[in-house]
Protein backbone atom coordinates (compact mmCIF):
# COMPACT_ATOMS: atom_id res chain seq x y z
CA MET A 1 5.85 -53.92 -255.09
CA GLU A 2 4.47 -51.44 -257.63
CA LEU A 3 4.82 -47.72 -257.05
CA PRO A 4 1.98 -46.13 -255.06
CA VAL A 5 -0.58 -43.97 -256.85
CA PHE A 6 -1.06 -40.65 -255.08
CA GLU A 7 -3.20 -39.16 -257.84
CA THR A 8 -4.11 -39.99 -261.40
CA ASP A 9 -3.71 -37.91 -264.54
CA PHE A 10 -5.67 -39.15 -267.54
CA PRO A 11 -5.56 -36.38 -270.20
CA ASP A 12 -8.16 -38.05 -272.44
CA LEU A 13 -10.75 -38.21 -269.62
CA VAL A 14 -12.72 -35.45 -267.87
CA LEU A 15 -11.71 -35.18 -264.21
CA LEU A 16 -14.86 -34.39 -262.24
CA LYS A 17 -13.46 -34.35 -258.71
CA ARG A 18 -10.61 -35.43 -256.48
CA GLY A 19 -11.93 -36.68 -253.16
CA LYS A 20 -9.95 -37.67 -250.10
CA VAL A 21 -9.15 -41.02 -251.72
CA ARG A 22 -10.93 -41.27 -255.07
CA ASP A 23 -10.34 -39.51 -258.36
CA ILE A 24 -13.67 -39.35 -260.20
CA TYR A 25 -13.88 -39.06 -263.99
CA ASP A 26 -17.02 -38.10 -265.92
CA LEU A 27 -17.80 -40.47 -268.80
CA GLY A 28 -21.16 -38.98 -269.76
CA ASP A 29 -23.88 -41.16 -268.25
CA LYS A 30 -21.28 -43.09 -266.24
CA LEU A 31 -18.52 -42.33 -263.76
CA LEU A 32 -15.08 -43.86 -263.41
CA LEU A 33 -14.08 -44.14 -259.75
CA VAL A 34 -10.36 -44.60 -259.18
CA ALA A 35 -9.20 -45.46 -255.66
CA THR A 36 -5.77 -43.91 -255.19
CA ASP A 37 -3.38 -44.72 -252.35
CA ARG A 38 -4.10 -41.43 -250.58
CA ILE A 39 -5.14 -41.64 -246.95
CA SER A 40 -6.87 -39.03 -244.83
CA ALA A 41 -7.20 -38.60 -241.10
CA PHE A 42 -9.36 -36.05 -239.30
CA ASP A 43 -10.60 -35.03 -242.78
CA VAL A 44 -7.10 -34.00 -243.94
CA VAL A 45 -5.23 -35.86 -246.70
CA MET A 46 -1.78 -37.05 -245.63
CA PRO A 47 1.22 -36.24 -247.85
CA ASN A 48 2.32 -39.90 -247.94
CA PRO A 49 0.38 -42.54 -249.89
CA ILE A 50 -0.13 -46.04 -248.47
CA PRO A 51 1.07 -48.53 -251.14
CA GLN A 52 -1.68 -50.87 -252.44
CA LYS A 53 -4.35 -49.18 -250.34
CA GLY A 54 -6.53 -48.21 -253.32
CA LYS A 55 -6.54 -51.78 -254.61
CA ILE A 56 -7.34 -53.15 -251.16
CA LEU A 57 -10.27 -50.76 -250.72
CA THR A 58 -11.62 -51.55 -254.18
CA GLN A 59 -11.46 -55.33 -253.68
CA ILE A 60 -13.17 -55.10 -250.28
CA SER A 61 -15.91 -52.88 -251.70
CA LEU A 62 -16.48 -55.23 -254.64
CA PHE A 63 -16.68 -58.16 -252.24
CA TRP A 64 -19.34 -56.47 -250.09
CA LEU A 65 -21.34 -55.06 -253.01
CA ASP A 66 -21.78 -58.60 -254.28
CA ILE A 67 -22.87 -59.89 -250.86
CA MET A 68 -25.35 -57.03 -250.41
CA LYS A 69 -27.08 -57.44 -253.80
CA PRO A 70 -30.17 -59.09 -252.24
CA ILE A 71 -30.58 -56.08 -249.93
CA ALA A 72 -29.57 -53.02 -251.94
CA VAL A 73 -29.25 -52.01 -255.59
CA ASN A 74 -25.77 -50.56 -256.13
CA HIS A 75 -24.09 -48.36 -258.72
CA LEU A 76 -21.52 -50.86 -260.03
CA ILE A 77 -21.52 -51.59 -263.76
CA THR A 78 -18.18 -53.42 -263.94
CA SER A 79 -14.67 -53.46 -262.52
CA ASP A 80 -13.25 -55.31 -265.53
CA VAL A 81 -11.04 -52.78 -267.31
CA ASN A 82 -11.49 -54.70 -270.58
CA GLN A 83 -15.17 -53.72 -270.50
CA TYR A 84 -14.51 -50.03 -269.86
CA PRO A 85 -15.18 -47.48 -272.63
CA GLU A 86 -12.45 -47.29 -275.24
CA GLU A 87 -11.14 -43.94 -274.01
CA CYS A 88 -10.15 -45.62 -270.71
CA HIS A 89 -8.06 -48.38 -272.31
CA PRO A 90 -4.75 -46.41 -272.49
CA TYR A 91 -4.84 -46.25 -268.68
CA SER A 92 -5.69 -49.90 -268.03
CA ASP A 93 -2.44 -50.67 -266.23
CA ILE A 94 -3.21 -48.09 -263.55
CA LEU A 95 -6.96 -48.76 -263.46
CA LYS A 96 -6.72 -52.52 -263.05
CA GLY A 97 -7.73 -53.57 -259.54
CA ARG A 98 -8.33 -50.05 -258.22
CA SER A 99 -11.27 -48.74 -260.24
CA MET A 100 -14.98 -49.20 -260.90
CA LEU A 101 -17.23 -48.11 -263.74
CA VAL A 102 -20.48 -46.99 -262.10
CA ARG A 103 -23.86 -45.46 -262.85
CA LYS A 104 -24.11 -41.73 -262.42
CA THR A 105 -26.55 -40.82 -259.63
CA GLN A 106 -27.58 -37.75 -257.65
CA PRO A 107 -25.82 -38.26 -254.29
CA LEU A 108 -27.85 -37.58 -251.15
CA PRO A 109 -26.35 -34.87 -248.89
CA VAL A 110 -26.10 -37.23 -245.90
CA GLU A 111 -23.47 -39.63 -244.55
CA CYS A 112 -25.37 -42.69 -243.32
CA VAL A 113 -23.46 -43.71 -240.18
CA VAL A 114 -24.44 -46.87 -238.31
CA ARG A 115 -22.95 -47.69 -234.92
CA GLY A 116 -23.03 -51.07 -233.25
CA TYR A 117 -20.44 -50.17 -230.63
CA LEU A 118 -19.64 -47.04 -228.63
CA SER A 119 -16.44 -45.48 -229.98
CA GLY A 120 -14.90 -42.41 -231.58
CA SER A 121 -17.05 -39.30 -231.80
CA GLY A 122 -20.02 -41.36 -230.60
CA TRP A 123 -18.22 -42.11 -227.33
CA ASN A 124 -17.31 -38.44 -226.91
CA ALA A 125 -20.93 -37.38 -227.50
CA TYR A 126 -22.17 -39.99 -225.03
CA LEU A 127 -19.78 -38.72 -222.34
CA GLU A 128 -21.09 -35.19 -222.80
CA THR A 129 -24.82 -35.78 -223.19
CA GLY A 130 -25.68 -39.46 -222.80
CA GLU A 131 -26.89 -39.30 -226.41
CA ILE A 132 -25.64 -39.67 -229.99
CA CYS A 133 -27.42 -37.64 -232.66
CA GLY A 134 -30.44 -37.24 -230.41
CA ILE A 135 -30.65 -40.96 -229.53
CA LYS A 136 -30.68 -41.53 -225.77
CA LEU A 137 -28.44 -44.42 -224.69
CA PRO A 138 -28.45 -46.42 -221.43
CA ASP A 139 -26.49 -45.00 -218.50
CA GLY A 140 -23.20 -46.56 -217.44
CA LEU A 141 -21.86 -47.68 -220.82
CA LYS A 142 -18.10 -48.02 -221.22
CA GLU A 143 -15.95 -47.05 -224.20
CA SER A 144 -16.19 -49.72 -226.93
CA ASP A 145 -19.26 -51.35 -225.34
CA ARG A 146 -21.62 -53.09 -227.71
CA LEU A 147 -24.84 -51.13 -228.02
CA PRO A 148 -28.20 -52.80 -227.28
CA GLU A 149 -28.94 -52.54 -231.02
CA PRO A 150 -27.32 -50.75 -233.99
CA ILE A 151 -28.25 -47.07 -234.24
CA PHE A 152 -28.43 -44.68 -237.18
CA THR A 153 -26.35 -41.58 -236.45
CA PRO A 154 -26.13 -39.52 -239.65
CA SER A 155 -23.84 -36.63 -240.46
CA THR A 156 -23.46 -33.95 -243.09
CA LYS A 157 -21.14 -34.41 -246.08
CA GLU A 158 -18.55 -31.66 -246.06
CA GLU A 159 -15.72 -30.75 -248.43
CA ILE A 160 -12.16 -31.97 -247.89
CA GLY A 161 -10.58 -30.41 -244.81
CA ILE A 162 -13.93 -29.63 -243.17
CA HIS A 163 -15.21 -32.00 -240.50
CA ASP A 164 -18.55 -33.69 -241.11
CA ILE A 165 -21.17 -32.58 -238.58
CA ASN A 166 -23.31 -35.09 -236.68
CA ILE A 167 -27.03 -34.41 -237.13
CA ASP A 168 -30.22 -35.92 -235.74
CA PHE A 169 -32.87 -37.73 -237.75
CA ASN A 170 -35.11 -34.66 -237.86
CA GLU A 171 -32.40 -32.80 -239.76
CA VAL A 172 -32.16 -35.66 -242.26
CA VAL A 173 -35.93 -35.39 -242.79
CA ARG A 174 -35.54 -31.67 -243.37
CA LEU A 175 -32.82 -32.31 -245.97
CA ILE A 176 -34.35 -35.15 -247.99
CA GLY A 177 -37.92 -35.70 -246.77
CA PRO A 178 -39.52 -38.25 -244.41
CA ALA A 179 -40.00 -41.21 -246.76
CA ARG A 180 -36.46 -41.16 -248.16
CA SER A 181 -35.02 -40.59 -244.67
CA GLN A 182 -36.77 -43.66 -243.29
CA GLN A 183 -35.64 -45.66 -246.30
CA ILE A 184 -31.94 -44.85 -245.90
CA LYS A 185 -32.12 -45.42 -242.14
CA GLU A 186 -33.65 -48.88 -242.45
CA LEU A 187 -31.44 -49.89 -245.36
CA SER A 188 -28.24 -48.68 -243.67
CA ILE A 189 -28.99 -50.70 -240.55
CA ARG A 190 -29.83 -53.82 -242.58
CA ILE A 191 -26.59 -53.61 -244.56
CA TYR A 192 -24.57 -53.03 -241.39
CA GLN A 193 -26.19 -55.98 -239.61
CA LYS A 194 -25.55 -58.37 -242.49
CA GLY A 195 -21.96 -57.17 -242.83
CA ALA A 196 -21.31 -57.31 -239.09
CA GLU A 197 -22.65 -60.87 -238.86
CA TYR A 198 -20.47 -62.04 -241.74
CA ALA A 199 -17.35 -60.26 -240.44
CA ALA A 200 -17.85 -61.70 -236.94
CA GLU A 201 -17.59 -65.20 -238.44
CA LYS A 202 -14.23 -64.13 -239.87
CA GLY A 203 -12.97 -62.80 -236.54
CA ILE A 204 -13.65 -59.09 -237.18
CA ILE A 205 -15.95 -56.76 -235.25
CA ILE A 206 -17.32 -53.94 -237.40
CA ALA A 207 -17.86 -51.36 -234.67
CA ASP A 208 -19.34 -48.69 -236.92
CA THR A 209 -19.44 -47.71 -240.56
CA LYS A 210 -20.85 -45.19 -242.99
CA PHE A 211 -22.69 -45.55 -246.29
CA GLU A 212 -23.63 -43.20 -249.08
CA PHE A 213 -26.68 -43.34 -251.33
CA GLY A 214 -27.66 -41.67 -254.57
CA ILE A 215 -30.84 -41.32 -256.58
CA ASP A 216 -31.10 -42.83 -260.06
CA GLY A 217 -34.48 -41.83 -261.49
CA ASP A 218 -36.69 -42.70 -258.55
CA ARG A 219 -34.47 -45.54 -257.28
CA LEU A 220 -32.27 -45.40 -254.20
CA ILE A 221 -28.79 -46.66 -255.12
CA LEU A 222 -25.93 -47.68 -252.80
CA ILE A 223 -22.84 -45.78 -253.97
CA ASP A 224 -19.16 -45.22 -253.16
CA GLU A 225 -17.21 -47.63 -250.96
CA ILE A 226 -18.82 -50.03 -248.51
CA LEU A 227 -17.59 -51.59 -245.27
CA THR A 228 -13.90 -50.85 -245.84
CA PRO A 229 -11.20 -49.95 -243.29
CA ASP A 230 -11.52 -46.35 -244.55
CA SER A 231 -15.25 -46.12 -243.88
CA SER A 232 -15.49 -48.40 -240.83
CA ARG A 233 -13.88 -49.38 -237.55
CA PHE A 234 -12.59 -52.95 -237.81
CA TRP A 235 -11.56 -54.59 -234.52
CA PRO A 236 -10.00 -58.05 -234.04
CA LYS A 237 -12.63 -60.11 -232.26
CA LYS A 238 -10.03 -62.13 -230.33
CA SER A 239 -8.64 -59.06 -228.53
CA TYR A 240 -11.93 -57.21 -227.96
CA GLN A 241 -12.23 -55.88 -224.42
CA PRO A 242 -14.67 -53.05 -223.65
CA GLY A 243 -13.56 -50.25 -221.35
CA GLY A 244 -11.12 -48.44 -223.64
CA PRO A 245 -9.80 -48.14 -227.21
CA GLN A 246 -9.37 -51.32 -229.25
CA LEU A 247 -6.71 -52.73 -231.54
CA SER A 248 -7.82 -52.14 -235.11
CA TYR A 249 -7.42 -53.13 -238.75
CA ASP A 250 -8.39 -49.65 -239.90
CA LYS A 251 -6.82 -46.19 -239.92
CA GLN A 252 -7.30 -45.72 -236.19
CA TYR A 253 -3.63 -46.72 -235.95
CA LEU A 254 -2.77 -43.67 -238.07
CA ARG A 255 -5.07 -41.42 -236.03
CA ASP A 256 -3.41 -42.64 -232.83
CA TYR A 257 0.04 -41.83 -234.24
CA LEU A 258 -1.06 -38.31 -235.21
CA ILE A 259 -2.54 -37.76 -231.75
CA SER A 260 0.70 -38.99 -230.16
CA ILE A 261 2.76 -36.33 -231.98
CA LYS A 262 0.18 -33.68 -230.98
CA TRP A 263 -0.67 -32.65 -234.55
CA ASN A 264 -3.37 -29.97 -234.48
CA LYS A 265 -5.58 -31.77 -237.05
CA THR A 266 -5.41 -28.90 -239.54
CA PRO A 267 -3.50 -28.70 -242.85
CA PRO A 268 -0.75 -29.15 -243.66
CA ALA A 269 -0.51 -32.74 -242.43
CA PRO A 270 2.88 -33.98 -241.23
CA ASN A 271 5.03 -36.39 -243.21
CA LEU A 272 4.54 -39.96 -242.00
CA PRO A 273 7.50 -42.14 -240.97
CA LEU A 274 8.09 -45.19 -243.17
CA GLU A 275 7.18 -47.44 -240.24
CA VAL A 276 3.75 -45.82 -239.90
CA VAL A 277 3.13 -46.10 -243.65
CA GLU A 278 4.07 -49.79 -243.73
CA ASN A 279 2.15 -50.70 -240.56
CA THR A 280 -0.93 -48.99 -241.96
CA ARG A 281 -0.58 -50.93 -245.23
CA LEU A 282 -0.28 -54.21 -243.31
CA LYS A 283 -3.41 -53.48 -241.28
CA TYR A 284 -5.43 -52.86 -244.44
CA MET A 285 -4.00 -56.01 -246.01
CA GLU A 286 -4.88 -58.02 -242.92
CA ALA A 287 -8.48 -56.80 -243.12
CA LEU A 288 -8.65 -57.91 -246.76
CA GLY A 289 -7.14 -61.29 -246.00
CA SER A 290 -9.42 -61.91 -243.02
CA LEU A 291 -12.60 -61.10 -244.92
CA THR A 292 -11.78 -62.60 -248.31
CA ASP A 293 -9.49 -65.06 -250.06
CA ILE A 294 -7.99 -62.52 -252.45
CA ARG A 295 -5.06 -61.18 -250.44
CA HIS A 296 -2.51 -62.70 -252.82
CA ALA A 297 -4.21 -61.24 -255.89
CA ILE A 298 -3.29 -57.67 -254.91
C-alpha cells in the first residue's frame, strides 16, 4: 500500500487553504482540490492519517456528482490529471485519484444539512426541545428513527477547530436572501432523496448528510464533496434497528473511540492506535465497494 498523504506541498502552485481534509490550490479561474488522508472528528484534525482515505472520498464524490447531473450543476471540470494545467503535471503521481480540477465559485456561508433519520446532534436537540433547527418533530421518536420526511437543518460554516452552529431557516434567509435560501433547501432535499434511494438499493442507509453550494455568476453550483462517509452517516441496512446508535461505514466509529477514551474534543487530538486507523480505513473502503464497482481501482 502506498504511503498516506497527510498534507501536500507543491512549490510551483499557490496554496489557497488547508481545510480539515482538502488542500486547495489557486489556479487563477480554477481551483485544484486535493483530498488528503487527514481525518477530523468533532471539528479537530487527528494527528494520524487514514491510508487511501483521500482517494476513497474523491472516487465516491465523482460517482455521485455524475449521478446528480440531471438535478444540480456542479463545479467539476475534470479529475483526469493528464488534462490538468501544465504546472500541475510534476505532481501527477500524488494527484492521481485524489484530486479534482474545479470551477472557482463564491461559496455560500451555509452548510446544507439534510436529515432523513434522527441521530447525532439532531437527536440531542430533539431530546432537549422536540425540534431541530426550529422544525417541530412528532413526539415519541426514538434515536435513529426514520423521520416522516427529510428535513433541511442548516448550520454555519466555521473555521477548523470551531464547531459549526445549527441555525434555523430564518437565519439562512438573513444570510443569503429568501429566493436563494429556498433554492438551496429544495435542491439539498432532492439530492439527498435521490442519493438515499440509490444507496438503499445497495444496502446502505444514508441517515443524514451535508452539501455546500457556491455562486458562479448568477448560477447556483454544487461544490466540495458529496454523499461521502466524511459528510454523511452511512448505516448498513441489514443491521438497522431504531432505538439507539447504529453500526456505520463512516467516521462514527472514530468518534465512538474518542468518546470511549474520554477525550475532551479540543486540540490537541490524541494519537490513534493502529487498530483504529485500519478499522476506519476498512469502513471507508466498504462504503466505496458497496456503492460502486471501483474498490479494486484504489
